[in-house]
Each structure stands twice: as C-alpha cells, then as structure tokens.
Amino acid sequence: MNFRVLPEAQGDAIEAAIWYDDRQASLGTEFLAVVHQAFQLIQSDSGSLSKLETYQGPHDVRRLLLKRFPYAVIVLVRPEEVVVVAVAHTRRRPLYWLDRLG
C-alpha cells in the first residue's frame, strides 16, 4: 500500500514544531520526532487506527493521537493508498482540513 504525506500536513507539523521551539529549545525537534514515529506506525499498520468520530463524510478517515503532544495525525485510507491529510491540534480548529480530502 502506498503512503504519502500531503504538503499541507507537513506544513502543519513544521508550524507546530516552530511554535514548540519558541516555547522551549529543542521541543520542536522532539515534536517532529514523535510525528515521524507516528508516520512509521501508520505505514506499517494503518488498519489499527481509530476512525475519526467527528467526521461524518463518505471517506474512511482515521486518526492517530500523538504521545506527549495534544495533536493527532489525520489519515485518509483508500484501497491502494494511505494519505496523511493533517497534523492537527486536538482542541483547535476542528475539521479545518476537510477540503484536503479531495
């Protein structure tokens, strides 16, 4: 199964990492490491991800909550592809990424 990360999702992660680095030196680097680990887990076992309860549309949208940080990796699961559509804060701007589902 193919795996890809939308540029917008990569931007989400970088934006959050910059914010964390502004708060504490190297915390942004730690955040990106956790995001990278999440990407690896998604690649190896996307079927184990939880369905996103707040999404009611026609797509198979799942999430993986990050450890230590209040973020979730939002994933669109298709028959031949898994697409990371967002790295989203769990308490801000819900469903802002909907237009990324295509």
PDB file of N, CA and C in Angstrom:
ATOM      1  N   MET A   1       0.836  -1.175   0.000  1.00  0.00           N
ATOM      2  CA  MET A   1       0.000   0.000   0.000  1.00  0.00           C
ATOM      3  C   MET A   1       0.887   1.246   0.000  1.00  0.00           C
ATOM      4  N   ASN A   2       0.543   2.198  -0.848  1.00  0.00           N
ATOM      5  CA  ASN A   2       1.295   3.448  -0.928  1.00  0.00           C
ATOM      6  C   ASN A   2       1.014   4.330   0.283  1.00  0.00           C
ATOM      7  N   PHE A   3       2.000   5.106   0.661  1.00  0.00           N
ATOM      8  CA  PHE A   3       1.895   6.042   1.778  1.00  0.00           C
ATOM      9  C   PHE A   3       2.418   7.382   1.312  1.00  0.00           C
ATOM     10  N   ARG A   4       1.651   8.431   1.604  1.00  0.00           N
ATOM     11  CA  ARG A   4       2.160   9.765   1.297  1.00  0.00           C
ATOM     12  C   ARG A   4       1.630  10.772   2.303  1.00  0.00           C
ATOM     13  N   VAL A   5       2.346  11.868   2.408  1.00  0.00           N
ATOM     14  CA  VAL A   5       2.001  12.956   3.312  1.00  0.00           C
ATOM     15  C   VAL A   5       1.750  14.189   2.456  1.00  0.00           C
ATOM     16  N   LEU A   6       0.565  14.762   2.587  1.00  0.00           N
ATOM     17  CA  LEU A   6       0.276  15.988   1.843  1.00  0.00           C
ATOM     18  C   LEU A   6       1.209  17.101   2.301  1.00  0.00           C
ATOM     19  N   PRO A   7       1.626  17.971   1.376  1.00  0.00           N
ATOM     20  CA  PRO A   7       2.474  19.100   1.770  1.00  0.00           C
ATOM     21  C   PRO A   7       1.831  19.954   2.863  1.00  0.00           C
ATOM     22  N   GLU A   8       0.516  20.069   2.837  1.00  0.00           N
ATOM     23  CA  GLU A   8      -0.179  20.849   3.870  1.00  0.00           C
ATOM     24  C   GLU A   8      -0.031  20.212   5.249  1.00  0.00           C
ATOM     25  N   ALA A   9      -0.045  18.892   5.299  1.00  0.00           N
ATOM     26  CA  ALA A   9       0.137  18.186   6.566  1.00  0.00           C
ATOM     27  C   ALA A   9       1.566  18.361   7.069  1.00  0.00           C
ATOM     28  N   GLN A  10       2.512  18.308   6.145  1.00  0.00           N
ATOM     29  CA  GLN A  10       3.904  18.566   6.513  1.00  0.00           C
ATOM     30  C   GLN A  10       4.033  19.982   7.070  1.00  0.00           C
ATOM     31  N   GLY A  11       3.334  20.923   6.442  1.00  0.00           N
ATOM     32  CA  GLY A  11       3.330  22.307   6.922  1.00  0.00           C
ATOM     33  C   GLY A  11       2.726  22.434   8.305  1.00  0.00           C
ATOM     34  N   ASP A  12       1.658  21.675   8.565  1.00  0.00           N
ATOM     35  CA  ASP A  12       1.058  21.672   9.906  1.00  0.00           C
ATOM     36  C   ASP A  12       2.099  21.290  10.951  1.00  0.00           C
ATOM     37  N   ALA A  13       2.836  20.225  10.667  1.00  0.00           N
ATOM     38  CA  ALA A  13       3.826  19.718  11.614  1.00  0.00           C
ATOM     39  C   ALA A  13       4.954  20.721  11.822  1.00  0.00           C
ATOM     40  N   ILE A  14       5.416  21.326  10.750  1.00  0.00           N
ATOM     41  CA  ILE A  14       6.507  22.303  10.861  1.00  0.00           C
ATOM     42  C   ILE A  14       6.054  23.532  11.641  1.00  0.00           C
ATOM     43  N   GLU A  15       4.851  23.996  11.369  1.00  0.00           N
ATOM     44  CA  GLU A  15       4.305  25.154  12.079  1.00  0.00           C
ATOM     45  C   GLU A  15       4.218  24.879  13.589  1.00  0.00           C
ATOM     46  N   ALA A  16       3.749  23.701  13.946  1.00  0.00           N
ATOM     47  CA  ALA A  16       3.659  23.333  15.362  1.00  0.00           C
ATOM     48  C   ALA A  16       5.051  23.216  15.982  1.00  0.00           C
ATOM     49  N   ALA A  17       6.008  22.647  15.238  1.00  0.00           N
ATOM     50  CA  ALA A  17       7.369  22.500  15.750  1.00  0.00           C
ATOM     51  C   ALA A  17       7.999  23.864  16.019  1.00  0.00           C
ATOM     52  N   ILE A  18       7.758  24.808  15.140  1.00  0.00           N
ATOM     53  CA  ILE A  18       8.279  26.170  15.346  1.00  0.00           C
ATOM     54  C   ILE A  18       7.674  26.764  16.612  1.00  0.00           C
ATOM     55  N   TRP A  19       6.378  26.577  16.795  1.00  0.00           N
ATOM     56  CA  TRP A  19       5.701  27.094  17.990  1.00  0.00           C
ATOM     57  C   TRP A  19       6.327  26.480  19.243  1.00  0.00           C
ATOM     58  N   TYR A  20       6.541  25.147  19.235  1.00  0.00           N
ATOM     59  CA  TYR A  20       7.144  24.485  20.396  1.00  0.00           C
ATOM     60  C   TYR A  20       8.574  24.953  20.631  1.00  0.00           C
ATOM     61  N   ASP A  21       9.339  25.154  19.580  1.00  0.00           N
ATOM     62  CA  ASP A  21      10.714  25.650  19.743  1.00  0.00           C
ATOM     63  C   ASP A  21      10.740  27.048  20.338  1.00  0.00           C
ATOM     64  N   ASP A  22       9.739  27.852  20.014  1.00  0.00           N
ATOM     65  CA  ASP A  22       9.656  29.189  20.595  1.00  0.00           C
ATOM     66  C   ASP A  22       9.397  29.125  22.099  1.00  0.00           C
ATOM     67  N   ARG A  23       8.780  28.054  22.560  1.00  0.00           N
ATOM     68  CA  ARG A  23       8.467  27.896  23.979  1.00  0.00           C
ATOM     69  C   ARG A  23       9.626  27.291  24.753  1.00  0.00           C
ATOM     70  N   GLN A  24      10.312  26.342  24.117  1.00  0.00           N
ATOM     71  CA  GLN A  24      11.415  25.648  24.794  1.00  0.00           C
ATOM     72  C   GLN A  24      12.374  25.107  23.747  1.00  0.00           C
ATOM     73  N   ALA A  25      13.649  25.378  23.928  1.00  0.00           N
ATOM     74  CA  ALA A  25      14.661  24.926  22.972  1.00  0.00           C
ATOM     75  C   ALA A  25      14.574  23.418  22.771  1.00  0.00           C
ATOM     76  N   SER A  26      14.591  23.000  21.524  1.00  0.00           N
ATOM     77  CA  SER A  26      14.583  21.610  21.049  1.00  0.00           C
ATOM     78  C   SER A  26      13.256  20.875  21.258  1.00  0.00           C
ATOM     79  N   LEU A  27      12.243  21.516  21.823  1.00  0.00           N
ATOM     80  CA  LEU A  27      10.947  20.857  21.973  1.00  0.00           C
ATOM     81  C   LEU A  27      10.302  20.620  20.604  1.00  0.00           C
ATOM     82  N   GLY A  28      10.526  21.529  19.675  1.00  0.00           N
ATOM     83  CA  GLY A  28      10.019  21.345  18.318  1.00  0.00           C
ATOM     84  C   GLY A  28      10.642  20.133  17.644  1.00  0.00           C
ATOM     85  N   THR A  29      11.918  19.920  17.883  1.00  0.00           N
ATOM     86  CA  THR A  29      12.605  18.746  17.337  1.00  0.00           C
ATOM     87  C   THR A  29      12.010  17.470  17.919  1.00  0.00           C
ATOM     88  N   GLU A  30      11.701  17.496  19.204  1.00  0.00           N
ATOM     89  CA  GLU A  30      11.064  16.342  19.835  1.00  0.00           C
ATOM     90  C   GLU A  30       9.684  16.095  19.232  1.00  0.00           C
ATOM     91  N   PHE A  31       8.948  17.165  18.987  1.00  0.00           N
ATOM     92  CA  PHE A  31       7.627  17.037  18.376  1.00  0.00           C
ATOM     93  C   PHE A  31       7.745  16.376  17.004  1.00  0.00           C
ATOM     94  N   LEU A  32       8.676  16.841  16.186  1.00  0.00           N
ATOM     95  CA  LEU A  32       8.847  16.264  14.846  1.00  0.00           C
ATOM     96  C   LEU A  32       9.262  14.795  14.917  1.00  0.00           C
ATOM     97  N   ALA A  33      10.038  14.434  15.921  1.00  0.00           N
ATOM     98  CA  ALA A  33      10.429  13.028  16.088  1.00  0.00           C
ATOM     99  C   ALA A  33       9.200  12.170  16.398  1.00  0.00           C
ATOM    100  N   VAL A  34       8.300  12.683  17.230  1.00  0.00           N
ATOM    101  CA  VAL A  34       7.079  11.952  17.556  1.00  0.00           C
ATOM    102  C   VAL A  34       6.191  11.831  16.317  1.00  0.00           C
ATOM    103  N   VAL A  35       6.115  12.902  15.524  1.00  0.00           N
ATOM    104  CA  VAL A  35       5.342  12.858  14.276  1.00  0.00           C
ATOM    105  C   VAL A  35       5.927  11.810  13.330  1.00  0.00           C
ATOM    106  N   HIS A  36       7.247  11.786  13.207  1.00  0.00           N
ATOM    107  CA  HIS A  36       7.901  10.808  12.340  1.00  0.00           C
ATOM    108  C   HIS A  36       7.605   9.374  12.802  1.00  0.00           C
ATOM    109  N   GLN A  37       7.642   9.141  14.110  1.00  0.00           N
ATOM    110  CA  GLN A  37       7.305   7.814  14.647  1.00  0.00           C
ATOM    111  C   GLN A  37       5.859   7.447  14.298  1.00  0.00           C
ATOM    112  N   ALA A  38       4.977   8.430  14.392  1.00  0.00           N
ATOM    113  CA  ALA A  38       3.571   8.191  14.044  1.00  0.00           C
ATOM    114  C   ALA A  38       3.443   7.805  12.572  1.00  0.00           C
ATOM    115  N   PHE A  39       4.170   8.510  11.710  1.00  0.00           N
ATOM    116  CA  PHE A  39       4.142   8.184  10.278  1.00  0.00           C
ATOM    117  C   PHE A  39       4.598   6.747  10.046  1.00  0.00           C
ATOM    118  N   GLN A  40       5.638   6.324  10.744  1.00  0.00           N
ATOM    119  CA  GLN A  40       6.134   4.956  10.591  1.00  0.00           C
ATOM    120  C   GLN A  40       5.092   3.933  11.044  1.00  0.00           C
ATOM    121  N   LEU A  41       4.429   4.214  12.153  1.00  0.00           N
ATOM    122  CA  LEU A  41       3.387   3.313  12.646  1.00  0.00           C
ATOM    123  C   LEU A  41       2.229   3.237  11.659  1.00  0.00           C
ATOM    124  N   ILE A  42       1.839   4.375  11.112  1.00  0.00           N
ATOM    125  CA  ILE A  42       0.749   4.408  10.133  1.00  0.00           C
ATOM    126  C   ILE A  42       1.109   3.592   8.900  1.00  0.00           C
ATOM    127  N   GLN A  43       2.348   3.731   8.431  1.00  0.00           N
ATOM    128  CA  GLN A  43       2.793   2.971   7.263  1.00  0.00           C
ATOM    129  C   GLN A  43       2.735   1.471   7.523  1.00  0.00           C
ATOM    130  N   SER A  44       3.092   1.063   8.715  1.00  0.00           N
ATOM    131  CA  SER A  44       3.167  -0.373   8.993  1.00  0.00           C
ATOM    132  C   SER A  44       1.814  -0.992   9.349  1.00  0.00           C
ATOM    133  N   ASP A  45       0.879  -0.181   9.887  1.00  0.00           N
ATOM    134  CA  ASP A  45      -0.383  -0.776  10.339  1.00  0.00           C
ATOM    135  C   ASP A  45      -1.507   0.260  10.366  1.00  0.00           C
ATOM    136  N   SER A  46      -1.908   0.752   9.204  1.00  0.00           N
ATOM    137  CA  SER A  46      -2.967   1.762   9.142  1.00  0.00           C
ATOM    138  C   SER A  46      -4.321   1.204   9.561  1.00  0.00           C
ATOM    139  N   GLY A  47      -4.497  -0.102   9.476  1.00  0.00           N
ATOM    140  CA  GLY A  47      -5.764  -0.716   9.851  1.00  0.00           C
ATOM    141  C   GLY A  47      -6.078  -0.640  11.332  1.00  0.00           C
ATOM    142  N   SER A  48      -5.065  -0.414  12.145  1.00  0.00           N
ATOM    143  CA  SER A  48      -5.286  -0.356  13.591  1.00  0.00           C
ATOM    144  C   SER A  48      -5.682   1.035  14.080  1.00  0.00           C
ATOM    145  N   LEU A  49      -5.715   2.005  13.184  1.00  0.00           N
ATOM    146  CA  LEU A  49      -6.046   3.371  13.584  1.00  0.00           C
ATOM    147  C   LEU A  49      -7.528   3.501  13.895  1.00  0.00           C
ATOM    148  N   SER A  50      -7.837   4.399  14.815  1.00  0.00           N
ATOM    149  CA  SER A  50      -9.228   4.659  15.192  1.00  0.00           C
ATOM    150  C   SER A  50      -9.925   5.487  14.128  1.00  0.00           C
ATOM    151  N   LYS A  51     -11.178   5.182  13.872  1.00  0.00           N
ATOM    152  CA  LYS A  51     -11.976   6.035  12.985  1.00  0.00           C
ATOM    153  C   LYS A  51     -12.188   7.366  13.687  1.00  0.00           C
ATOM    154  N   LEU A  52     -12.208   8.418  12.892  1.00  0.00           N
ATOM    155  CA  LEU A  52     -12.411   9.754  13.450  1.00  0.00           C
ATOM    156  C   LEU A  52     -13.903   9.972  13.679  1.00  0.00           C
ATOM    157  N   GLU A  53     -14.308  10.036  14.931  1.00  0.00           N
ATOM    158  CA  GLU A  53     -15.720  10.114  15.288  1.00  0.00           C
ATOM    159  C   GLU A  53     -16.370  11.410  14.830  1.00  0.00           C
ATOM    160  N   THR A  54     -15.615  12.486  14.769  1.00  0.00           N
ATOM    161  CA  THR A  54     -16.197  13.790  14.436  1.00  0.00           C
ATOM    162  C   THR A  54     -16.406  13.990  12.939  1.00  0.00           C
ATOM    163  N   TYR A  55     -15.932  13.058  12.132  1.00  0.00           N
ATOM    164  CA  TYR A  55     -16.099  13.147  10.681  1.00  0.00           C
ATOM    165  C   TYR A  55     -17.261  12.257  10.255  1.00  0.00           C
ATOM    166  N   GLN A  56     -18.197  12.820   9.508  1.00  0.00           N
ATOM    167  CA  GLN A  56     -19.382  12.072   9.093  1.00  0.00           C
ATOM    168  C   GLN A  56     -19.496  11.912   7.580  1.00  0.00           C
ATOM    169  N   GLY A  57     -18.426  12.134   6.841  1.00  0.00           N
ATOM    170  CA  GLY A  57     -18.476  12.099   5.386  1.00  0.00           C
ATOM    171  C   GLY A  57     -18.304  10.704   4.804  1.00  0.00           C
ATOM    172  N   PRO A  58     -18.139  10.649   3.487  1.00  0.00           N
ATOM    173  CA  PRO A  58     -18.089   9.369   2.771  1.00  0.00           C
ATOM    174  C   PRO A  58     -16.722   8.673   2.789  1.00  0.00           C
ATOM    175  N   HIS A  59     -15.685   9.342   3.248  1.00  0.00           N
ATOM    176  CA  HIS A  59     -14.333   8.780   3.202  1.00  0.00           C
ATOM    177  C   HIS A  59     -14.006   7.994   4.470  1.00  0.00           C
ATOM    178  N   ASP A  60     -13.014   7.133   4.361  1.00  0.00           N
ATOM    179  CA  ASP A  60     -12.506   6.400   5.521  1.00  0.00           C
ATOM    180  C   ASP A  60     -11.399   7.249   6.140  1.00  0.00           C
ATOM    181  N   VAL A  61     -11.764   8.037   7.145  1.00  0.00           N
ATOM    182  CA  VAL A  61     -10.823   8.945   7.805  1.00  0.00           C
ATOM    183  C   VAL A  61     -10.525   8.402   9.191  1.00  0.00           C
ATOM    184  N   ARG A  62      -9.237   8.295   9.483  1.00  0.00           N
ATOM    185  CA  ARG A  62      -8.790   7.740  10.763  1.00  0.00           C
ATOM    186  C   ARG A  62      -7.813   8.697  11.421  1.00  0.00           C
ATOM    187  N   ARG A  63      -7.500   8.410  12.675  1.00  0.00           N
ATOM    188  CA  ARG A  63      -6.577   9.280  13.400  1.00  0.00           C
ATOM    189  C   ARG A  63      -5.648   8.469  14.281  1.00  0.00           C
ATOM    190  N   LEU A  64      -4.514   9.082  14.546  1.00  0.00           N
ATOM    191  CA  LEU A  64      -3.559   8.529  15.500  1.00  0.00           C
ATOM    192  C   LEU A  64      -3.174   9.664  16.432  1.00  0.00           C
ATOM    193  N   LEU A  65      -3.471   9.506  17.713  1.00  0.00           N
ATOM    194  CA  LEU A  65      -3.104  10.521  18.692  1.00  0.00           C
ATOM    195  C   LEU A  65      -1.615  10.426  18.986  1.00  0.00           C
ATOM    196  N   LEU A  66      -0.966  11.578  19.045  1.00  0.00           N
ATOM    197  CA  LEU A  66       0.463  11.600  19.347  1.00  0.00           C
ATOM    198  C   LEU A  66       0.685  11.466  20.843  1.00  0.00           C
ATOM    199  N   LYS A  67       1.781  10.844  21.205  1.00  0.00           N
ATOM    200  CA  LYS A  67       2.164  10.745  22.608  1.00  0.00           C
ATOM    201  C   LYS A  67       2.815  12.074  23.018  1.00  0.00           C
ATOM    202  N   ARG A  68       2.479  12.533  24.195  1.00  0.00           N
ATOM    203  CA  ARG A  68       3.057  13.709  24.834  1.00  0.00           C
ATOM    204  C   ARG A  68       2.545  15.040  24.296  1.00  0.00           C
ATOM    205  N   PHE A  69       2.053  15.093  23.095  1.00  0.00           N
ATOM    206  CA  PHE A  69       1.605  16.339  22.487  1.00  0.00           C
ATOM    207  C   PHE A  69       0.114  16.254  22.152  1.00  0.00           C
ATOM    208  N   PRO A  70      -0.624  17.357  22.277  1.00  0.00           N
ATOM    209  CA  PRO A  70      -2.074  17.327  22.009  1.00  0.00           C
ATOM    210  C   PRO A  70      -2.399  17.441  20.518  1.00  0.00           C
ATOM    211  N   TYR A  71      -1.850  16.537  19.742  1.00  0.00           N
ATOM    212  CA  TYR A  71      -2.030  16.522  18.291  1.00  0.00           C
ATOM    213  C   TYR A  71      -2.449  15.137  17.835  1.00  0.00           C
ATOM    214  N   ALA A  72      -3.111  15.113  16.680  1.00  0.00           N
ATOM    215  CA  ALA A  72      -3.486  13.856  16.045  1.00  0.00           C
ATOM    216  C   ALA A  72      -3.044  13.904  14.588  1.00  0.00           C
ATOM    217  N   VAL A  73      -2.612  12.772  14.080  1.00  0.00           N
ATOM    218  CA  VAL A  73      -2.325  12.647  12.658  1.00  0.00           C
ATOM    219  C   VAL A  73      -3.626  12.152  12.020  1.00  0.00           C
ATOM    220  N   ILE A  74      -4.141  12.925  11.082  1.00  0.00           N
ATOM    221  CA  ILE A  74      -5.394  12.601  10.405  1.00  0.00           C
ATOM    222  C   ILE A  74      -5.054  11.923   9.081  1.00  0.00           C
ATOM    223  N   VAL A  75      -5.659  10.758   8.854  1.00  0.00           N
ATOM    224  CA  VAL A  75      -5.282   9.910   7.732  1.00  0.00           C
ATOM    225  C   VAL A  75      -6.520   9.546   6.907  1.00  0.00           C
ATOM    226  N   LEU A  76      -6.370   9.635   5.599  1.00  0.00           N
ATOM    227  CA  LEU A  76      -7.377   9.164   4.655  1.00  0.00           C
ATOM    228  C   LEU A  76      -6.916   7.806   4.155  1.00  0.00           C
ATOM    229  N   VAL A  77      -7.742   6.781   4.384  1.00  0.00           N
ATOM    230  CA  VAL A  77      -7.387   5.426   3.967  1.00  0.00           C
ATOM    231  C   VAL A  77      -8.194   5.093   2.718  1.00  0.00           C
ATOM    232  N   ARG A  78      -7.463   4.774   1.660  1.00  0.00           N
ATOM    233  CA  ARG A  78      -8.063   4.349   0.392  1.00  0.00           C
ATOM    234  C   ARG A  78      -7.610   2.916   0.124  1.00  0.00           C
ATOM    235  N   PRO A  79      -8.253   2.226  -0.818  1.00  0.00           N
ATOM    236  CA  PRO A  79      -7.878   0.825  -1.074  1.00  0.00           C
ATOM    237  C   PRO A  79      -6.393   0.629  -1.397  1.00  0.00           C
ATOM    238  N   GLU A  80      -5.799   1.534  -2.139  1.00  0.00           N
ATOM    239  CA  GLU A  80      -4.403   1.363  -2.545  1.00  0.00           C
ATOM    240  C   GLU A  80      -3.452   2.382  -1.934  1.00  0.00           C
ATOM    241  N   GLU A  81      -3.974   3.246  -1.045  1.00  0.00           N
ATOM    242  CA  GLU A  81      -3.148   4.362  -0.578  1.00  0.00           C
ATOM    243  C   GLU A  81      -3.596   4.827   0.806  1.00  0.00           C
ATOM    244  N   VAL A  82      -2.613   5.251   1.592  1.00  0.00           N
ATOM    245  CA  VAL A  82      -2.859   5.894   2.871  1.00  0.00           C
ATOM    246  C   VAL A  82      -2.255   7.286   2.770  1.00  0.00           C
ATOM    247  N   VAL A  83      -3.078   8.307   3.050  1.00  0.00           N
ATOM    248  CA  VAL A  83      -2.644   9.696   2.877  1.00  0.00           C
ATOM    249  C   VAL A  83      -2.784  10.436   4.197  1.00  0.00           C
ATOM    250  N   VAL A  84      -1.694  11.011   4.675  1.00  0.00           N
ATOM    251  CA  VAL A  84      -1.758  11.889   5.837  1.00  0.00           C
ATOM    252  C   VAL A  84      -2.250  13.237   5.348  1.00  0.00           C
ATOM    253  N   VAL A  85      -3.423  13.648   5.831  1.00  0.00           N
ATOM    254  CA  VAL A  85      -4.004  14.905   5.369  1.00  0.00           C
ATOM    255  C   VAL A  85      -3.766  16.054   6.341  1.00  0.00           C
ATOM    256  N   ALA A  86      -3.461  15.749   7.615  1.00  0.00           N
ATOM    257  CA  ALA A  86      -3.236  16.824   8.585  1.00  0.00           C
ATOM    258  C   ALA A  86      -2.497  16.300   9.804  1.00  0.00           C
ATOM    259  N   VAL A  87      -1.785  17.206  10.428  1.00  0.00           N
ATOM    260  CA  VAL A  87      -1.260  17.003  11.771  1.00  0.00           C
ATOM    261  C   VAL A  87      -1.947  18.100  12.575  1.00  0.00           C
ATOM    262  N   ALA A  88      -3.027  17.722  13.246  1.00  0.00           N
ATOM    263  CA  ALA A  88      -3.967  18.692  13.794  1.00  0.00           C
ATOM    264  C   ALA A  88      -3.969  18.715  15.316  1.00  0.00           C
ATOM    265  N   HIS A  89      -4.007  19.926  15.869  1.00  0.00           N
ATOM    266  CA  HIS A  89      -4.168  20.083  17.306  1.00  0.00           C
ATOM    267  C   HIS A  89      -5.538  19.528  17.679  1.00  0.00           C
ATOM    268  N   THR A  90      -5.621  18.820  18.773  1.00  0.00           N
ATOM    269  CA  THR A  90      -6.868  18.147  19.129  1.00  0.00           C
ATOM    270  C   THR A  90      -7.930  19.087  19.689  1.00  0.00           C
ATOM    271  N   ARG A  91      -7.559  20.325  20.030  1.00  0.00           N
ATOM    272  CA  ARG A  91      -8.543  21.235  20.610  1.00  0.00           C
ATOM    273  C   ARG A  91      -8.728  22.531  19.831  1.00  0.00           C
ATOM    274  N   ARG A  92      -8.117  22.643  18.691  1.00  0.00           N
ATOM    275  CA  ARG A  92      -8.230  23.877  17.902  1.00  0.00           C
ATOM    276  C   ARG A  92      -8.718  23.573  16.498  1.00  0.00           C
ATOM    277  N   ARG A  93      -9.499  24.454  15.949  1.00  0.00           N
ATOM    278  CA  ARG A  93      -9.957  24.413  14.557  1.00  0.00           C
ATOM    279  C   ARG A  93     -10.371  23.004  14.100  1.00  0.00           C
ATOM    280  N   PRO A  94     -11.392  22.439  14.687  1.00  0.00           N
ATOM    281  CA  PRO A  94     -11.795  21.087  14.271  1.00  0.00           C
ATOM    282  C   PRO A  94     -12.181  21.040  12.792  1.00  0.00           C
ATOM    283  N   LEU A  95     -11.745  19.995  12.158  1.00  0.00           N
ATOM    284  CA  LEU A  95     -12.079  19.693  10.754  1.00  0.00           C
ATOM    285  C   LEU A  95     -11.626  20.762   9.759  1.00  0.00           C
ATOM    286  N   TYR A  96     -10.656  21.584  10.089  1.00  0.00           N
ATOM    287  CA  TYR A  96     -10.141  22.599   9.155  1.00  0.00           C
ATOM    288  C   TYR A  96      -9.558  21.972   7.893  1.00  0.00           C
ATOM    289  N   TRP A  97      -9.221  20.717   7.956  1.00  0.00           N
ATOM    290  CA  TRP A  97      -8.528  20.006   6.877  1.00  0.00           C
ATOM    291  C   TRP A  97      -9.499  19.324   5.898  1.00  0.00           C
ATOM    292  N   LEU A  98     -10.805  19.477   6.082  1.00  0.00           N
ATOM    293  CA  LEU A  98     -11.776  18.765   5.243  1.00  0.00           C
ATOM    294  C   LEU A  98     -11.565  18.971   3.749  1.00  0.00           C
ATOM    295  N   ASP A  99     -11.192  20.177   3.343  1.00  0.00           N
ATOM    296  CA  ASP A  99     -11.000  20.437   1.908  1.00  0.00           C
ATOM    297  C   ASP A  99      -9.793  19.695   1.347  1.00  0.00           C
ATOM    298  N   ARG A 100      -8.964  19.110   2.170  1.00  0.00           N
ATOM    299  CA  ARG A 100      -7.805  18.340   1.715  1.00  0.00           C
ATOM    300  C   ARG A 100      -8.174  16.914   1.296  1.00  0.00           C
ATOM    301  N   LEU A 101      -9.361  16.488   1.603  1.00  0.00           N
ATOM    302  CA  LEU A 101      -9.753  15.106   1.290  1.00  0.00           C
ATOM    303  C   LEU A 101      -9.939  14.861  -0.194  1.00  0.00           C
ATOM    304  N   GLY A 102     -10.169  15.926  -0.942  1.00  0.00           N
ATOM    305  CA  GLY A 102     -10.295  15.819  -2.396  1.00  0.00           C
ATOM    306  C   GLY A 102     -11.474  15.092  -2.815  1.00  0.00           C
TER     307      GLY A 102
END
